[in-house]
């Protein structure tokens, strides 16, 4: 039996565009049908991000290298903050590339509606394509930076001065990457939905993300945090992810099952909330933006 919307028989159509959609109604089949567009957007983002820069894709390598050198001098040499017997360059580089992946997912997803309003007003496609493309584009950039990290990683291994080596713990790595992407996208979709009415929030995202980095064990190991502050740092959902990311490579770090469980539960709740808000706003945001 065919459905009818506004007295129009829907039986004859493959795709129906309507603003009347339930809060919990997601058309994942429609998203899959736009997979070619998704790949085009990912390719576009990757090729145009540094298109008009002098050094181009070299910034993929320069940004983490420069940050690693600065962190090593300031926090390890001057501030004398330990790195859990991990070479300082590898400690900071691992944290930086992981954080870059998370922050890119969060910041770019949070700008989905504001950055693509002209496109959304002219062409129809599932709006969720944009956040998904951001995850894939960020993953591509992360992959490039991971190659840089692995180059230094194996250099330190073959130098013979350090005891760490690859073990079965490396198989935990994809799980932490997936969680980073889901958490970043979930927070990004929540912020993107709110900024359609309150644009001021968009100015706070980069600043807030930077502050959150210092509340995450990027420049210090969790084991070095004084007990008075440790609980606060532990309840940051990114803490167990970063510690787990490093544990996958170095077999060093603080892995607590309760903290990991809390982080996963928090991530899922944020992602579901973000998905619901995004699904609600995407049909009507063009009238308010």
C-alpha atoms as a PDB file:
ATOM      1  CA  UNK A   1       0.000   0.000   0.000  1.00  0.00           C
ATOM      2  CA  UNK A   2       1.484   3.335  -1.022  1.00  0.00           C
ATOM      3  CA  UNK A   3       1.963   6.285   1.346  1.00  0.00           C
ATOM      4  CA  UNK A   4       0.609   9.728   0.579  1.00  0.00           C
ATOM      5  CA  UNK A   5       2.052  13.092   1.573  1.00  0.00           C
ATOM      6  CA  UNK A   6       0.004  16.183   0.686  1.00  0.00           C
ATOM      7  CA  UNK A   7      -2.154  14.063  -1.655  1.00  0.00           C
ATOM      8  CA  UNK A   8       0.868  13.008  -3.734  1.00  0.00           C
ATOM      9  CA  UNK A   9       1.271   9.304  -4.398  1.00  0.00           C
ATOM     10  CA  UNK A  10       4.755   8.276  -3.210  1.00  0.00           C
ATOM     11  CA  UNK A  11       4.701   4.865  -4.822  1.00  0.00           C
ATOM     12  CA  UNK A  12       6.184   6.207  -8.063  1.00  0.00           C
ATOM     13  CA  UNK A  13       9.235   7.896  -6.500  1.00  0.00           C
ATOM     14  CA  UNK A  14      12.617   6.515  -5.387  1.00  0.00           C
ATOM     15  CA  UNK A  15      13.481   9.476  -3.145  1.00  0.00           C
ATOM     16  CA  UNK A  16      11.014  11.585  -1.180  1.00  0.00           C
ATOM     17  CA  UNK A  17      12.216  14.927   0.232  1.00  0.00           C
ATOM     18  CA  UNK A  18      10.091  16.089   3.137  1.00  0.00           C
ATOM     19  CA  UNK A  19      10.574  18.209   6.237  1.00  0.00           C
ATOM     20  CA  UNK A  20       8.147  15.986   8.134  1.00  0.00           C
ATOM     21  CA  UNK A  21      10.430  13.434   9.712  1.00  0.00           C
ATOM     22  CA  UNK A  22      10.414  11.769  13.104  1.00  0.00           C
ATOM     23  CA  UNK A  23      13.096  12.532  15.685  1.00  0.00           C
ATOM     24  CA  UNK A  24      14.211   8.888  15.693  1.00  0.00           C
ATOM     25  CA  UNK A  25      13.824   8.362  11.947  1.00  0.00           C
ATOM     26  CA  UNK A  26      17.126   7.903  10.097  1.00  0.00           C
ATOM     27  CA  UNK A  27      17.330   6.981   6.431  1.00  0.00           C
ATOM     28  CA  UNK A  28      20.703   5.218   6.333  1.00  0.00           C
ATOM     29  CA  UNK A  29      19.847   3.642   2.962  1.00  0.00           C
ATOM     30  CA  UNK A  30      19.602   7.136   1.486  1.00  0.00           C
ATOM     31  CA  UNK A  31      22.990   8.060   2.955  1.00  0.00           C
ATOM     32  CA  UNK A  32      24.519   4.945   1.385  1.00  0.00           C
ATOM     33  CA  UNK A  33      23.059   5.891  -1.998  1.00  0.00           C
ATOM     34  CA  UNK A  34      25.109   9.116  -1.825  1.00  0.00           C
ATOM     35  CA  UNK A  35      28.412   7.307  -1.174  1.00  0.00           C
ATOM     36  CA  UNK A  36      29.912   8.632  -4.430  1.00  0.00           C
ATOM     37  CA  UNK A  37      29.223  12.198  -3.307  1.00  0.00           C
ATOM     38  CA  UNK A  38      30.800  11.365   0.044  1.00  0.00           C
ATOM     39  CA  UNK A  39      34.037  10.244  -1.630  1.00  0.00           C
ATOM     40  CA  UNK A  40      34.071  13.353  -3.835  1.00  0.00           C
ATOM     41  CA  UNK A  41      33.751  15.624  -0.789  1.00  0.00           C
ATOM     42  CA  UNK A  42      36.535  13.752   1.043  1.00  0.00           C
ATOM     43  CA  UNK A  43      38.821  14.106  -1.980  1.00  0.00           C
ATOM     44  CA  UNK A  44      37.923  17.791  -2.304  1.00  0.00           C
ATOM     45  CA  UNK A  45      38.673  18.484   1.357  1.00  0.00           C
ATOM     46  CA  UNK A  46      42.028  16.728   1.189  1.00  0.00           C
ATOM     47  CA  UNK A  47      43.207  18.460  -1.998  1.00  0.00           C
ATOM     48  CA  UNK A  48      41.953  21.985  -1.254  1.00  0.00           C
ATOM     49  CA  UNK A  49      42.830  22.319   2.431  1.00  0.00           C
ATOM     50  CA  UNK A  50      46.397  23.471   1.678  1.00  0.00           C
ATOM     51  CA  UNK A  51      45.810  24.383  -1.987  1.00  0.00           C
ATOM     52  CA  UNK A  52      46.944  28.011  -1.760  1.00  0.00           C
ATOM     53  CA  UNK A  53      49.776  27.482   0.724  1.00  0.00           C
ATOM     54  CA  UNK A  54      53.465  27.529  -0.189  1.00  0.00           C
ATOM     55  CA  UNK A  55      54.386  24.312   1.604  1.00  0.00           C
ATOM     56  CA  UNK A  56      51.110  22.524   0.857  1.00  0.00           C
ATOM     57  CA  UNK A  57      50.780  18.996   2.312  1.00  0.00           C
ATOM     58  CA  UNK A  58      54.121  19.416   4.111  1.00  0.00           C
ATOM     59  CA  UNK A  59      52.104  21.119   6.854  1.00  0.00           C
ATOM     60  CA  UNK A  60      50.753  17.660   7.691  1.00  0.00           C
ATOM     61  CA  UNK A  61      54.279  16.885   8.919  1.00  0.00           C
ATOM     62  CA  UNK A  62      55.519  20.297  10.030  1.00  0.00           C
ATOM     63  CA  UNK A  63      52.704  21.050  12.487  1.00  0.00           C
ATOM     64  CA  UNK A  64      53.207  17.949  14.694  1.00  0.00           C
ATOM     65  CA  UNK A  65      57.015  18.149  14.412  1.00  0.00           C
ATOM     66  CA  UNK A  66      57.159  21.808  15.475  1.00  0.00           C
ATOM     67  CA  UNK A  67      54.647  21.226  18.288  1.00  0.00           C
ATOM     68  CA  UNK A  68      56.631  18.212  19.490  1.00  0.00           C
ATOM     69  CA  UNK A  69      59.899  20.159  19.592  1.00  0.00           C
ATOM     70  CA  UNK A  70      58.278  23.070  21.479  1.00  0.00           C
ATOM     71  CA  UNK A  71      56.562  20.757  23.986  1.00  0.00           C
ATOM     72  CA  UNK A  72      59.779  18.810  24.540  1.00  0.00           C
ATOM     73  CA  UNK A  73      61.755  21.962  25.311  1.00  0.00           C
ATOM     74  CA  UNK A  74      59.159  23.680  27.492  1.00  0.00           C
ATOM     75  CA  UNK A  75      57.540  20.812  29.375  1.00  0.00           C
ATOM     76  CA  UNK A  76      60.317  18.213  29.488  1.00  0.00           C
ATOM     77  CA  UNK A  77      63.544  20.213  29.535  1.00  0.00           C
ATOM     78  CA  UNK A  78      62.412  23.365  31.354  1.00  0.00           C
ATOM     79  CA  UNK A  79      59.425  22.244  33.456  1.00  0.00           C
ATOM     80  CA  UNK A  80      60.988  18.784  34.075  1.00  0.00           C
ATOM     81  CA  UNK A  81      57.705  16.907  33.528  1.00  0.00           C
ATOM     82  CA  UNK A  82      58.359  13.188  33.084  1.00  0.00           C
ATOM     83  CA  UNK A  83      57.049  11.022  30.261  1.00  0.00           C
ATOM     84  CA  UNK A  84      56.669   7.576  31.910  1.00  0.00           C
ATOM     85  CA  UNK A  85      60.002   6.280  30.535  1.00  0.00           C
ATOM     86  CA  UNK A  86      58.806   6.991  26.992  1.00  0.00           C
ATOM     87  CA  UNK A  87      61.179   9.076  24.823  1.00  0.00           C
ATOM     88  CA  UNK A  88      59.865  12.652  25.116  1.00  0.00           C
ATOM     89  CA  UNK A  89      59.651  13.157  21.345  1.00  0.00           C
ATOM     90  CA  UNK A  90      57.547  10.025  20.920  1.00  0.00           C
ATOM     91  CA  UNK A  91      55.438  10.819  23.985  1.00  0.00           C
ATOM     92  CA  UNK A  92      54.479  14.278  22.745  1.00  0.00           C
ATOM     93  CA  UNK A  93      54.177  13.289  19.087  1.00  0.00           C
ATOM     94  CA  UNK A  94      51.792  10.423  19.887  1.00  0.00           C
ATOM     95  CA  UNK A  95      49.594  12.716  21.958  1.00  0.00           C
ATOM     96  CA  UNK A  96      49.630  15.483  19.351  1.00  0.00           C
ATOM     97  CA  UNK A  97      48.586  13.354  16.369  1.00  0.00           C
ATOM     98  CA  UNK A  98      45.822  11.682  18.393  1.00  0.00           C
ATOM     99  CA  UNK A  99      44.545  15.042  19.636  1.00  0.00           C
ATOM    100  CA  UNK A 100      44.701  16.512  16.128  1.00  0.00           C
ATOM    101  CA  UNK A 101      42.400  13.745  14.908  1.00  0.00           C
ATOM    102  CA  UNK A 102      39.878  14.313  17.697  1.00  0.00           C
ATOM    103  CA  UNK A 103      39.955  18.124  17.486  1.00  0.00           C
ATOM    104  CA  UNK A 104      39.594  18.109  13.684  1.00  0.00           C
ATOM    105  CA  UNK A 105      36.539  15.864  13.958  1.00  0.00           C
ATOM    106  CA  UNK A 106      35.038  18.145  16.611  1.00  0.00           C
ATOM    107  CA  UNK A 107      35.856  21.592  15.178  1.00  0.00           C
ATOM    108  CA  UNK A 108      35.020  20.921  11.530  1.00  0.00           C
ATOM    109  CA  UNK A 109      31.821  19.035  12.395  1.00  0.00           C
ATOM    110  CA  UNK A 110      30.725  21.915  14.640  1.00  0.00           C
ATOM    111  CA  UNK A 111      30.877  24.211  11.574  1.00  0.00           C
ATOM    112  CA  UNK A 112      28.776  21.919   9.375  1.00  0.00           C
ATOM    113  CA  UNK A 113      25.762  24.203   9.043  1.00  0.00           C
ATOM    114  CA  UNK A 114      27.593  27.549   9.061  1.00  0.00           C
ATOM    115  CA  UNK A 115      30.268  26.526   6.548  1.00  0.00           C
ATOM    116  CA  UNK A 116      27.924  24.758   4.134  1.00  0.00           C
ATOM    117  CA  UNK A 117      24.792  26.933   4.331  1.00  0.00           C
ATOM    118  CA  UNK A 118      25.106  28.079   0.689  1.00  0.00           C
ATOM    119  CA  UNK A 119      25.478  24.499  -0.521  1.00  0.00           C
ATOM    120  CA  UNK A 120      22.624  23.243   1.640  1.00  0.00           C
ATOM    121  CA  UNK A 121      20.284  25.957   0.362  1.00  0.00           C
ATOM    122  CA  UNK A 122      20.833  25.005  -3.283  1.00  0.00           C
ATOM    123  CA  UNK A 123      21.361  21.241  -3.451  1.00  0.00           C
ATOM    124  CA  UNK A 124      19.621  18.397  -1.676  1.00  0.00           C
ATOM    125  CA  UNK A 125      21.567  15.506  -0.216  1.00  0.00           C
ATOM    126  CA  UNK A 126      21.555  13.902   3.233  1.00  0.00           C
ATOM    127  CA  UNK A 127      23.151  16.503   5.508  1.00  0.00           C
ATOM    128  CA  UNK A 128      24.814  13.778   7.541  1.00  0.00           C
ATOM    129  CA  UNK A 129      27.123  13.252   4.540  1.00  0.00           C
ATOM    130  CA  UNK A 130      29.154  16.300   5.636  1.00  0.00           C
ATOM    131  CA  UNK A 131      29.987  15.092   9.193  1.00  0.00           C
ATOM    132  CA  UNK A 132      30.835  11.645   7.809  1.00  0.00           C
ATOM    133  CA  UNK A 133      33.117  13.194   5.189  1.00  0.00           C
ATOM    134  CA  UNK A 134      34.856  15.172   7.939  1.00  0.00           C
ATOM    135  CA  UNK A 135      35.583  11.959   9.834  1.00  0.00           C
ATOM    136  CA  UNK A 136      37.087  10.367   6.715  1.00  0.00           C
ATOM    137  CA  UNK A 137      39.069  13.493   5.768  1.00  0.00           C
ATOM    138  CA  UNK A 138      40.438  13.770   9.309  1.00  0.00           C
ATOM    139  CA  UNK A 139      41.291  10.065   9.245  1.00  0.00           C
ATOM    140  CA  UNK A 140      43.282  10.611   6.040  1.00  0.00           C
ATOM    141  CA  UNK A 141      45.264  13.426   7.663  1.00  0.00           C
ATOM    142  CA  UNK A 142      45.760  11.280  10.755  1.00  0.00           C
ATOM    143  CA  UNK A 143      47.071   8.448   8.569  1.00  0.00           C
ATOM    144  CA  UNK A 144      49.705  10.752   7.072  1.00  0.00           C
ATOM    145  CA  UNK A 145      50.815  11.922  10.515  1.00  0.00           C
ATOM    146  CA  UNK A 146      50.774   8.352  11.824  1.00  0.00           C
ATOM    147  CA  UNK A 147      53.357   7.431   9.171  1.00  0.00           C
ATOM    148  CA  UNK A 148      55.548  10.224  10.515  1.00  0.00           C
ATOM    149  CA  UNK A 149      55.122   8.902  14.053  1.00  0.00           C
ATOM    150  CA  UNK A 150      55.909   5.322  12.992  1.00  0.00           C
ATOM    151  CA  UNK A 151      59.121   6.522  11.328  1.00  0.00           C
ATOM    152  CA  UNK A 152      60.355   7.987  14.634  1.00  0.00           C
ATOM    153  CA  UNK A 153      58.910   5.041  16.567  1.00  0.00           C
ATOM    154  CA  UNK A 154      60.896   2.408  14.696  1.00  0.00           C
ATOM    155  CA  UNK A 155      63.993   4.610  14.754  1.00  0.00           C
ATOM    156  CA  UNK A 156      63.932   4.573  18.568  1.00  0.00           C
ATOM    157  CA  UNK A 157      63.257   0.827  18.617  1.00  0.00           C
ATOM    158  CA  UNK A 158      66.194   0.008  16.336  1.00  0.00           C
ATOM    159  CA  UNK A 159      68.468   2.377  18.270  1.00  0.00           C
ATOM    160  CA  UNK A 160      68.302  -0.213  21.055  1.00  0.00           C
ATOM    161  CA  UNK A 161      68.155   2.287  23.918  1.00  0.00           C
ATOM    162  CA  UNK A 162      64.517   1.704  24.833  1.00  0.00           C
ATOM    163  CA  UNK A 163      62.644  -1.381  26.010  1.00  0.00           C
ATOM    164  CA  UNK A 164      59.241  -0.855  24.361  1.00  0.00           C
ATOM    165  CA  UNK A 165      58.203  -2.823  21.284  1.00  0.00           C
ATOM    166  CA  UNK A 166      55.083  -3.686  19.332  1.00  0.00           C
ATOM    167  CA  UNK A 167      52.886  -6.261  21.066  1.00  0.00           C
ATOM    168  CA  UNK A 168      49.319  -7.526  20.727  1.00  0.00           C
ATOM    169  CA  UNK A 169      48.248  -4.293  22.436  1.00  0.00           C
ATOM    170  CA  UNK A 170      48.514  -2.604  19.037  1.00  0.00           C
ATOM    171  CA  UNK A 171      45.193  -4.242  18.132  1.00  0.00           C
ATOM    172  CA  UNK A 172      43.486  -1.929  20.640  1.00  0.00           C
ATOM    173  CA  UNK A 173      44.450   1.040  18.457  1.00  0.00           C
ATOM    174  CA  UNK A 174      41.455   0.902  16.027  1.00  0.00           C
ATOM    175  CA  UNK A 175      39.058   0.858  18.974  1.00  0.00           C
ATOM    176  CA  UNK A 176      40.512   4.057  20.403  1.00  0.00           C
ATOM    177  CA  UNK A 177      40.487   5.704  16.963  1.00  0.00           C
ATOM    178  CA  UNK A 178      36.821   4.828  16.471  1.00  0.00           C
ATOM    179  CA  UNK A 179      35.968   6.191  19.904  1.00  0.00           C
ATOM    180  CA  UNK A 180      37.841   9.441  19.193  1.00  0.00           C
ATOM    181  CA  UNK A 181      35.914   9.886  15.950  1.00  0.00           C
ATOM    182  CA  UNK A 182      32.526   9.130  17.528  1.00  0.00           C
ATOM    183  CA  UNK A 183      33.137  11.437  20.486  1.00  0.00           C
ATOM    184  CA  UNK A 184      34.426  14.267  18.290  1.00  0.00           C
ATOM    185  CA  UNK A 185      31.552  13.902  15.848  1.00  0.00           C
ATOM    186  CA  UNK A 186      28.964  13.680  18.615  1.00  0.00           C
ATOM    187  CA  UNK A 187      30.188  16.861  20.315  1.00  0.00           C
ATOM    188  CA  UNK A 188      30.529  18.545  16.927  1.00  0.00           C
ATOM    189  CA  UNK A 189      26.938  17.740  15.913  1.00  0.00           C
ATOM    190  CA  UNK A 190      25.620  19.064  19.228  1.00  0.00           C
ATOM    191  CA  UNK A 191      27.525  22.334  18.791  1.00  0.00           C
ATOM    192  CA  UNK A 192      26.567  22.565  15.093  1.00  0.00           C
ATOM    193  CA  UNK A 193      22.899  22.227  15.997  1.00  0.00           C
ATOM    194  CA  UNK A 194      23.101  24.917  18.690  1.00  0.00           C
ATOM    195  CA  UNK A 195      25.088  27.392  16.550  1.00  0.00           C
ATOM    196  CA  UNK A 196      22.242  27.630  14.028  1.00  0.00           C
ATOM    197  CA  UNK A 197      20.560  29.893  16.618  1.00  0.00           C
ATOM    198  CA  UNK A 198      23.481  31.002  18.778  1.00  0.00           C
ATOM    199  CA  UNK A 199      26.461  31.772  16.546  1.00  0.00           C
ATOM    200  CA  UNK A 200      28.542  33.035  19.460  1.00  0.00           C
ATOM    201  CA  UNK A 201      29.221  29.435  20.394  1.00  0.00           C
ATOM    202  CA  UNK A 202      31.191  28.902  17.183  1.00  0.00           C
ATOM    203  CA  UNK A 203      33.814  31.401  18.390  1.00  0.00           C
ATOM    204  CA  UNK A 204      34.343  29.432  21.590  1.00  0.00           C
ATOM    205  CA  UNK A 205      34.874  26.025  19.987  1.00  0.00           C
ATOM    206  CA  UNK A 206      38.556  26.375  19.028  1.00  0.00           C
ATOM    207  CA  UNK A 207      39.361  28.113  22.318  1.00  0.00           C
ATOM    208  CA  UNK A 208      37.497  25.493  24.350  1.00  0.00           C
ATOM    209  CA  UNK A 209      39.170  22.653  22.455  1.00  0.00           C
ATOM    210  CA  UNK A 210      42.572  24.161  23.215  1.00  0.00           C
ATOM    211  CA  UNK A 211      41.724  24.387  26.930  1.00  0.00           C
ATOM    212  CA  UNK A 212      40.452  20.802  26.916  1.00  0.00           C
ATOM    213  CA  UNK A 213      43.815  19.662  25.562  1.00  0.00           C
ATOM    214  CA  UNK A 214      45.510  20.864  28.753  1.00  0.00           C
ATOM    215  CA  UNK A 215      42.957  18.910  30.799  1.00  0.00           C
ATOM    216  CA  UNK A 216      43.947  15.770  28.864  1.00  0.00           C
ATOM    217  CA  UNK A 217      47.247  13.859  29.304  1.00  0.00           C
ATOM    218  CA  UNK A 218      48.824  15.193  26.111  1.00  0.00           C
ATOM    219  CA  UNK A 219      51.791  17.053  27.605  1.00  0.00           C
ATOM    220  CA  UNK A 220      51.985  15.020  30.809  1.00  0.00           C
ATOM    221  CA  UNK A 221      51.303  11.387  31.798  1.00  0.00           C
ATOM    222  CA  UNK A 222      48.303  10.650  33.996  1.00  0.00           C
ATOM    223  CA  UNK A 223      50.627   9.057  36.547  1.00  0.00           C
ATOM    224  CA  UNK A 224      52.260  12.454  37.201  1.00  0.00           C
ATOM    225  CA  UNK A 225      49.006  14.253  38.073  1.00  0.00           C
ATOM    226  CA  UNK A 226      48.705  15.080  41.821  1.00  0.00           C
ATOM    227  CA  UNK A 227      45.944  13.140  43.577  1.00  0.00           C
ATOM    228  CA  UNK A 228      43.995  16.328  44.309  1.00  0.00           C
ATOM    229  CA  UNK A 229      43.473  16.862  40.563  1.00  0.00           C
ATOM    230  CA  UNK A 230      43.618  13.271  39.299  1.00  0.00           C
ATOM    231  CA  UNK A 231      39.882  12.529  39.666  1.00  0.00           C
ATOM    232  CA  UNK A 232      39.006  15.588  37.612  1.00  0.00           C
ATOM    233  CA  UNK A 233      41.407  14.554  34.837  1.00  0.00           C
ATOM    234  CA  UNK A 234      40.231  10.936  34.938  1.00  0.00           C
ATOM    235  CA  UNK A 235      36.605  11.935  34.317  1.00  0.00           C
ATOM    236  CA  UNK A 236      37.646  13.643  31.104  1.00  0.00           C
ATOM    237  CA  UNK A 237      36.494  11.009  28.533  1.00  0.00           C
ATOM    238  CA  UNK A 238      39.539  11.745  26.362  1.00  0.00           C
ATOM    239  CA  UNK A 239      41.930  10.792  29.165  1.00  0.00           C
ATOM    240  CA  UNK A 240      41.425   7.033  28.904  1.00  0.00           C
ATOM    241  CA  UNK A 241      41.482   7.289  25.088  1.00  0.00           C
ATOM    242  CA  UNK A 242      44.865   9.053  25.009  1.00  0.00           C
ATOM    243  CA  UNK A 243      46.298   6.761  27.674  1.00  0.00           C
ATOM    244  CA  UNK A 244      45.025   3.759  25.720  1.00  0.00           C
ATOM    245  CA  UNK A 245      46.423   5.142  22.472  1.00  0.00           C
ATOM    246  CA  UNK A 246      49.898   5.373  24.002  1.00  0.00           C
ATOM    247  CA  UNK A 247      49.510   1.989  25.707  1.00  0.00           C
ATOM    248  CA  UNK A 248      48.901   0.419  22.289  1.00  0.00           C
ATOM    249  CA  UNK A 249      52.412   1.435  21.206  1.00  0.00           C
ATOM    250  CA  UNK A 250      54.497   1.656  24.377  1.00  0.00           C
ATOM    251  CA  UNK A 251      52.810  -0.719  26.871  1.00  0.00           C
ATOM    252  CA  UNK A 252      53.040   2.200  29.306  1.00  0.00           C
ATOM    253  CA  UNK A 253      50.139   4.141  30.707  1.00  0.00           C
ATOM    254  CA  UNK A 254      47.244   4.017  33.133  1.00  0.00           C
ATOM    255  CA  UNK A 255      44.502   1.708  31.871  1.00  0.00           C
ATOM    256  CA  UNK A 256      41.545   1.456  34.218  1.00  0.00           C
ATOM    257  CA  UNK A 257      38.567  -0.675  33.168  1.00  0.00           C
ATOM    258  CA  UNK A 258      36.098   1.532  35.057  1.00  0.00           C
ATOM    259  CA  UNK A 259      37.431   4.694  33.414  1.00  0.00           C
ATOM    260  CA  UNK A 260      37.366   3.083  29.972  1.00  0.00           C
ATOM    261  CA  UNK A 261      33.778   1.915  30.537  1.00  0.00           C
ATOM    262  CA  UNK A 262      32.759   5.410  31.660  1.00  0.00           C
ATOM    263  CA  UNK A 263      34.462   6.956  28.625  1.00  0.00           C
ATOM    264  CA  UNK A 264      32.722   4.557  26.208  1.00  0.00           C
ATOM    265  CA  UNK A 265      29.318   5.128  27.828  1.00  0.00           C
ATOM    266  CA  UNK A 266      29.796   8.906  27.776  1.00  0.00           C
ATOM    267  CA  UNK A 267      30.884   8.746  24.123  1.00  0.00           C
ATOM    268  CA  UNK A 268      27.812   6.756  23.089  1.00  0.00           C
ATOM    269  CA  UNK A 269      25.448   9.080  24.950  1.00  0.00           C
ATOM    270  CA  UNK A 270      27.032  12.183  23.387  1.00  0.00           C
ATOM    271  CA  UNK A 271      26.910  10.635  19.916  1.00  0.00           C
ATOM    272  CA  UNK A 272      23.244   9.619  20.228  1.00  0.00           C
ATOM    273  CA  UNK A 273      22.315  13.076  21.554  1.00  0.00           C
ATOM    274  CA  UNK A 274      24.272  14.737  18.747  1.00  0.00           C
ATOM    275  CA  UNK A 275      22.640  12.530  16.121  1.00  0.00           C
ATOM    276  CA  UNK A 276      19.141  13.302  17.427  1.00  0.00           C
ATOM    277  CA  UNK A 277      19.768  17.054  17.544  1.00  0.00           C
ATOM    278  CA  UNK A 278      21.349  17.038  14.099  1.00  0.00           C
ATOM    279  CA  UNK A 279      18.435  15.036  12.696  1.00  0.00           C
ATOM    280  CA  UNK A 280      15.970  17.527  14.171  1.00  0.00           C
ATOM    281  CA  UNK A 281      17.782  20.690  13.034  1.00  0.00           C
ATOM    282  CA  UNK A 282      18.925  19.670   9.542  1.00  0.00           C
ATOM    283  CA  UNK A 283      15.436  19.996   8.002  1.00  0.00           C
ATOM    284  CA  UNK A 284      14.712  23.511   9.259  1.00  0.00           C
ATOM    285  CA  UNK A 285      18.055  25.195   9.988  1.00  0.00           C
ATOM    286  CA  UNK A 286      18.151  27.054   6.659  1.00  0.00           C
ATOM    287  CA  UNK A 287      15.275  29.243   7.906  1.00  0.00           C
ATOM    288  CA  UNK A 288      17.215  30.398  10.968  1.00  0.00           C
ATOM    289  CA  UNK A 289      20.850  30.537   9.856  1.00  0.00           C
END
